[in-house]
Amino acid sequence: MNAVKTRIKKDDKVKIITGKDKGKIGKILKVVNKTNRVIVENINIVKSHQKPNMKNPQGGIISKESPIDFSNVMLMCNHCMTPIRIKMKTLEDGKKVRVCPKCSETIDA
């Protein structure tokens, strides 16, 4: 699988558009570009059996976030609070920024 250049970054707020968590909103914890996947906070929770180790001497079953494909998430605009497709804009100083096409606000801080 070839890696696709994504315009979604860590700490972005996204909305899940398909799957068992459809409609939920969460923050991106990690972007895995090699496999085109993202890990979203409190989304796609799976149970995992863990052997006892130094960090967890009891072991047992733990819950953790599993990666989902980045095509299943849409970026949320911080200003108008709607899911959007990202539009790129070049500023006067030559810097490229992400822009909301609905309210024309820049997403990058």
N, C-alpha and C. Protein backbone atom coordinates (compact mmCIF):
# COMPACT_ATOMS: atom_id res chain seq x y z
N MET A 1 0.84 -1.18 0.00
CA MET A 1 0.00 0.00 0.00
C MET A 1 0.89 1.24 0.00
N ASN A 2 0.59 2.17 -0.88
CA ASN A 2 1.37 3.40 -0.96
C ASN A 2 0.85 4.42 0.02
N ALA A 3 1.77 5.15 0.62
CA ALA A 3 1.38 6.21 1.55
C ALA A 3 0.87 7.41 0.76
N VAL A 4 -0.23 7.99 1.21
CA VAL A 4 -0.82 9.16 0.59
C VAL A 4 -0.56 10.35 1.49
N LYS A 5 -0.23 11.49 0.89
CA LYS A 5 0.02 12.69 1.69
C LYS A 5 -1.32 13.17 2.26
N THR A 6 -1.40 13.22 3.59
CA THR A 6 -2.63 13.64 4.24
C THR A 6 -2.53 15.08 4.68
N ARG A 7 -3.66 15.73 4.81
CA ARG A 7 -3.70 17.09 5.31
C ARG A 7 -4.29 17.12 6.71
N ILE A 8 -4.28 15.96 7.36
CA ILE A 8 -4.75 15.85 8.73
C ILE A 8 -3.52 15.70 9.62
N LYS A 9 -3.49 16.44 10.72
CA LYS A 9 -2.33 16.44 11.60
C LYS A 9 -2.72 16.04 13.02
N LYS A 10 -1.71 15.79 13.82
CA LYS A 10 -1.91 15.47 15.23
C LYS A 10 -2.60 16.64 15.93
N ASP A 11 -3.47 16.34 16.90
CA ASP A 11 -4.24 17.31 17.69
C ASP A 11 -5.35 17.99 16.91
N ASP A 12 -5.65 17.55 15.68
CA ASP A 12 -6.82 18.07 14.96
C ASP A 12 -8.07 17.42 15.51
N LYS A 13 -9.18 18.15 15.46
CA LYS A 13 -10.47 17.60 15.86
C LYS A 13 -11.14 17.04 14.62
N VAL A 14 -11.56 15.76 14.68
CA VAL A 14 -12.16 15.11 13.52
C VAL A 14 -13.50 14.47 13.88
N LYS A 15 -14.32 14.25 12.85
CA LYS A 15 -15.59 13.57 13.01
C LYS A 15 -15.51 12.26 12.24
N ILE A 16 -15.99 11.17 12.85
CA ILE A 16 -15.98 9.86 12.21
C ILE A 16 -17.19 9.79 11.28
N ILE A 17 -16.97 9.45 10.00
CA ILE A 17 -18.06 9.48 9.04
C ILE A 17 -18.59 8.10 8.66
N THR A 18 -17.91 7.04 9.10
CA THR A 18 -18.40 5.70 8.81
C THR A 18 -17.88 4.72 9.85
N GLY A 19 -18.56 3.58 9.98
CA GLY A 19 -18.14 2.55 10.93
C GLY A 19 -18.96 2.55 12.19
N LYS A 20 -18.52 1.78 13.18
CA LYS A 20 -19.29 1.60 14.41
C LYS A 20 -19.35 2.86 15.26
N ASP A 21 -18.39 3.78 15.08
CA ASP A 21 -18.35 5.02 15.86
C ASP A 21 -18.81 6.22 15.03
N LYS A 22 -19.62 6.00 14.01
CA LYS A 22 -20.08 7.06 13.12
C LYS A 22 -20.76 8.18 13.90
N GLY A 23 -20.36 9.44 13.59
CA GLY A 23 -20.95 10.60 14.23
C GLY A 23 -20.19 11.11 15.43
N LYS A 24 -19.27 10.32 15.96
CA LYS A 24 -18.51 10.75 17.14
C LYS A 24 -17.40 11.71 16.73
N ILE A 25 -17.02 12.58 17.66
CA ILE A 25 -15.96 13.56 17.43
C ILE A 25 -14.83 13.29 18.41
N GLY A 26 -13.60 13.33 17.92
CA GLY A 26 -12.45 13.09 18.77
C GLY A 26 -11.21 13.81 18.27
N LYS A 27 -10.16 13.76 19.08
CA LYS A 27 -8.89 14.41 18.76
C LYS A 27 -7.90 13.36 18.26
N ILE A 28 -7.15 13.69 17.23
CA ILE A 28 -6.16 12.77 16.67
C ILE A 28 -4.96 12.69 17.60
N LEU A 29 -4.62 11.45 18.02
CA LEU A 29 -3.47 11.22 18.88
C LEU A 29 -2.21 10.93 18.07
N LYS A 30 -2.38 10.24 16.92
CA LYS A 30 -1.22 9.84 16.12
C LYS A 30 -1.65 9.64 14.68
N VAL A 31 -0.78 10.04 13.74
CA VAL A 31 -1.01 9.82 12.32
C VAL A 31 0.06 8.85 11.84
N VAL A 32 -0.36 7.72 11.24
CA VAL A 32 0.57 6.72 10.72
C VAL A 32 0.51 6.82 9.20
N ASN A 33 1.43 7.61 8.61
CA ASN A 33 1.39 7.87 7.16
C ASN A 33 1.70 6.63 6.33
N LYS A 34 2.50 5.73 6.86
CA LYS A 34 2.91 4.55 6.09
C LYS A 34 1.71 3.67 5.72
N THR A 35 0.73 3.58 6.64
CA THR A 35 -0.43 2.73 6.41
C THR A 35 -1.72 3.52 6.20
N ASN A 36 -1.62 4.86 6.08
CA ASN A 36 -2.78 5.73 5.86
C ASN A 36 -3.82 5.59 6.97
N ARG A 37 -3.37 5.56 8.22
CA ARG A 37 -4.28 5.38 9.34
C ARG A 37 -4.05 6.44 10.40
N VAL A 38 -5.07 6.67 11.20
CA VAL A 38 -4.98 7.61 12.32
C VAL A 38 -5.52 6.96 13.57
N ILE A 39 -5.00 7.38 14.72
CA ILE A 39 -5.52 6.93 16.01
C ILE A 39 -6.23 8.11 16.63
N VAL A 40 -7.54 7.93 16.91
CA VAL A 40 -8.38 9.01 17.43
C VAL A 40 -8.73 8.69 18.88
N GLU A 41 -8.71 9.71 19.73
CA GLU A 41 -8.96 9.57 21.15
C GLU A 41 -10.38 9.05 21.41
N ASN A 42 -10.48 7.95 22.17
CA ASN A 42 -11.75 7.32 22.56
C ASN A 42 -12.60 6.85 21.38
N ILE A 43 -11.98 6.53 20.26
CA ILE A 43 -12.69 6.01 19.08
C ILE A 43 -12.06 4.67 18.70
N ASN A 44 -12.90 3.71 18.28
CA ASN A 44 -12.46 2.38 17.86
C ASN A 44 -11.72 1.67 18.99
N ILE A 45 -12.36 1.60 20.15
CA ILE A 45 -11.77 0.96 21.33
C ILE A 45 -11.84 -0.55 21.16
N VAL A 46 -10.71 -1.24 21.39
CA VAL A 46 -10.64 -2.70 21.32
C VAL A 46 -10.08 -3.23 22.62
N LYS A 47 -10.43 -4.48 22.95
CA LYS A 47 -9.90 -5.16 24.13
C LYS A 47 -8.65 -5.92 23.72
N SER A 48 -7.63 -5.85 24.57
CA SER A 48 -6.36 -6.51 24.28
C SER A 48 -5.90 -7.27 25.52
N HIS A 49 -5.51 -8.53 25.33
CA HIS A 49 -5.01 -9.33 26.44
C HIS A 49 -3.54 -9.00 26.66
N GLN A 50 -3.17 -8.71 27.90
CA GLN A 50 -1.81 -8.30 28.22
C GLN A 50 -1.19 -9.26 29.23
N LYS A 51 0.03 -9.71 28.92
CA LYS A 51 0.78 -10.53 29.86
C LYS A 51 1.27 -9.66 31.01
N PRO A 52 1.48 -10.24 32.17
CA PRO A 52 2.08 -9.46 33.26
C PRO A 52 3.48 -8.98 32.88
N ASN A 53 3.78 -7.71 33.20
CA ASN A 53 5.11 -7.15 32.95
C ASN A 53 5.44 -6.17 34.05
N MET A 54 6.58 -5.49 33.94
CA MET A 54 7.00 -4.56 34.99
C MET A 54 6.02 -3.39 35.14
N LYS A 55 5.49 -2.91 34.03
CA LYS A 55 4.57 -1.77 34.07
C LYS A 55 3.21 -2.18 34.62
N ASN A 56 2.76 -3.39 34.26
CA ASN A 56 1.45 -3.89 34.68
C ASN A 56 1.65 -5.29 35.26
N PRO A 57 2.00 -5.42 36.55
CA PRO A 57 2.32 -6.74 37.10
C PRO A 57 1.12 -7.68 37.18
N GLN A 58 -0.09 -7.13 37.17
CA GLN A 58 -1.29 -7.97 37.25
C GLN A 58 -1.61 -8.60 35.89
N GLY A 59 -1.33 -7.87 34.79
CA GLY A 59 -1.73 -8.36 33.47
C GLY A 59 -3.23 -8.17 33.29
N GLY A 60 -3.84 -8.94 32.41
CA GLY A 60 -5.29 -8.90 32.24
C GLY A 60 -5.70 -8.30 30.90
N ILE A 61 -6.96 -7.88 30.81
CA ILE A 61 -7.53 -7.34 29.59
C ILE A 61 -7.55 -5.81 29.70
N ILE A 62 -6.95 -5.15 28.71
CA ILE A 62 -6.94 -3.69 28.70
C ILE A 62 -7.70 -3.18 27.48
N SER A 63 -8.21 -1.96 27.55
CA SER A 63 -8.88 -1.31 26.42
C SER A 63 -7.94 -0.26 25.85
N LYS A 64 -7.84 -0.21 24.51
CA LYS A 64 -7.00 0.79 23.87
C LYS A 64 -7.59 1.18 22.52
N GLU A 65 -7.14 2.33 22.01
CA GLU A 65 -7.60 2.79 20.71
C GLU A 65 -6.88 2.03 19.61
N SER A 66 -7.64 1.67 18.58
CA SER A 66 -7.08 0.99 17.43
C SER A 66 -7.09 1.97 16.24
N PRO A 67 -6.12 1.87 15.32
CA PRO A 67 -6.08 2.81 14.20
C PRO A 67 -7.26 2.59 13.24
N ILE A 68 -7.73 3.69 12.64
CA ILE A 68 -8.75 3.61 11.59
C ILE A 68 -8.22 4.33 10.36
N ASP A 69 -8.76 4.00 9.21
CA ASP A 69 -8.31 4.61 7.96
C ASP A 69 -8.65 6.09 7.95
N PHE A 70 -7.73 6.92 7.43
CA PHE A 70 -7.96 8.36 7.48
C PHE A 70 -9.07 8.79 6.53
N SER A 71 -9.48 7.91 5.60
CA SER A 71 -10.61 8.25 4.72
C SER A 71 -11.94 8.18 5.47
N ASN A 72 -11.94 7.61 6.67
CA ASN A 72 -13.16 7.50 7.46
C ASN A 72 -13.34 8.65 8.44
N VAL A 73 -12.47 9.66 8.37
CA VAL A 73 -12.60 10.82 9.25
C VAL A 73 -12.65 12.09 8.42
N MET A 74 -13.33 13.11 8.96
CA MET A 74 -13.37 14.44 8.34
C MET A 74 -12.94 15.47 9.37
N LEU A 75 -12.13 16.41 8.93
CA LEU A 75 -11.65 17.46 9.81
C LEU A 75 -12.81 18.38 10.21
N MET A 76 -12.80 18.79 11.48
CA MET A 76 -13.81 19.73 11.98
C MET A 76 -13.21 21.13 12.02
N CYS A 77 -13.95 22.12 11.52
CA CYS A 77 -13.52 23.51 11.59
C CYS A 77 -13.73 24.00 13.02
N ASN A 78 -12.71 24.65 13.59
CA ASN A 78 -12.82 25.15 14.96
C ASN A 78 -13.76 26.35 15.06
N HIS A 79 -13.93 27.07 13.98
CA HIS A 79 -14.75 28.29 14.01
C HIS A 79 -16.23 27.99 13.77
N CYS A 80 -16.55 27.28 12.68
CA CYS A 80 -17.97 27.04 12.36
C CYS A 80 -18.45 25.67 12.84
N MET A 81 -17.56 24.84 13.43
CA MET A 81 -17.89 23.54 14.02
C MET A 81 -18.65 22.61 13.07
N THR A 82 -18.23 22.55 11.80
CA THR A 82 -18.81 21.64 10.84
C THR A 82 -17.71 20.80 10.22
N PRO A 83 -18.02 19.56 9.79
CA PRO A 83 -17.01 18.76 9.10
C PRO A 83 -16.74 19.35 7.71
N ILE A 84 -15.47 19.45 7.36
CA ILE A 84 -15.08 20.13 6.11
C ILE A 84 -14.06 19.32 5.33
N ARG A 85 -13.96 19.65 4.05
CA ARG A 85 -12.82 19.24 3.24
C ARG A 85 -11.83 20.40 3.27
N ILE A 86 -10.56 20.07 3.30
CA ILE A 86 -9.54 21.10 3.51
C ILE A 86 -9.20 21.79 2.20
N LYS A 87 -9.07 23.11 2.26
CA LYS A 87 -8.66 23.91 1.13
C LYS A 87 -7.32 24.54 1.50
N MET A 88 -6.36 24.51 0.60
CA MET A 88 -5.04 25.08 0.86
C MET A 88 -4.96 26.49 0.29
N LYS A 89 -4.25 27.37 1.01
CA LYS A 89 -4.10 28.75 0.58
C LYS A 89 -2.67 29.18 0.87
N THR A 90 -2.07 29.94 -0.05
CA THR A 90 -0.72 30.45 0.14
C THR A 90 -0.80 31.90 0.60
N LEU A 91 -0.14 32.21 1.72
CA LEU A 91 -0.13 33.57 2.24
C LEU A 91 0.89 34.43 1.50
N GLU A 92 0.92 35.73 1.83
CA GLU A 92 1.83 36.66 1.16
C GLU A 92 3.30 36.30 1.39
N ASP A 93 3.59 35.75 2.58
CA ASP A 93 4.98 35.40 2.89
C ASP A 93 5.39 34.05 2.30
N GLY A 94 4.51 33.39 1.55
CA GLY A 94 4.83 32.13 0.90
C GLY A 94 4.49 30.90 1.71
N LYS A 95 3.93 31.09 2.89
CA LYS A 95 3.58 29.96 3.75
C LYS A 95 2.22 29.39 3.34
N LYS A 96 2.13 28.05 3.27
CA LYS A 96 0.86 27.40 2.95
C LYS A 96 0.11 27.09 4.23
N VAL A 97 -1.20 27.39 4.24
CA VAL A 97 -2.03 27.13 5.41
C VAL A 97 -3.30 26.41 4.96
N ARG A 98 -3.92 25.69 5.92
CA ARG A 98 -5.19 25.02 5.66
C ARG A 98 -6.32 26.00 5.98
N VAL A 99 -7.34 26.02 5.10
CA VAL A 99 -8.42 26.99 5.23
C VAL A 99 -9.76 26.25 5.16
N CYS A 100 -10.73 26.71 5.96
CA CYS A 100 -12.09 26.18 5.90
C CYS A 100 -12.79 26.80 4.68
N PRO A 101 -13.32 25.98 3.78
CA PRO A 101 -13.99 26.55 2.61
C PRO A 101 -15.35 27.18 2.92
N LYS A 102 -15.94 26.86 4.08
CA LYS A 102 -17.26 27.38 4.43
C LYS A 102 -17.19 28.76 5.07
N CYS A 103 -16.24 28.94 6.02
CA CYS A 103 -16.16 30.22 6.74
C CYS A 103 -14.88 30.99 6.45
N SER A 104 -14.00 30.44 5.62
CA SER A 104 -12.73 31.07 5.19
C SER A 104 -11.78 31.38 6.36
N GLU A 105 -11.90 30.65 7.46
CA GLU A 105 -10.97 30.81 8.59
C GLU A 105 -9.80 29.86 8.41
N THR A 106 -8.60 30.29 8.84
CA THR A 106 -7.45 29.39 8.78
C THR A 106 -7.51 28.39 9.91
N ILE A 107 -7.17 27.14 9.61
CA ILE A 107 -7.20 26.08 10.60
C ILE A 107 -5.89 26.01 11.35
N ASP A 108 -4.78 26.28 10.66
CA ASP A 108 -3.46 26.27 11.30
C ASP A 108 -3.31 27.46 12.22
N ALA A 109 -2.73 27.21 13.38
CA ALA A 109 -2.54 28.30 14.35
C ALA A 109 -1.34 29.13 14.00
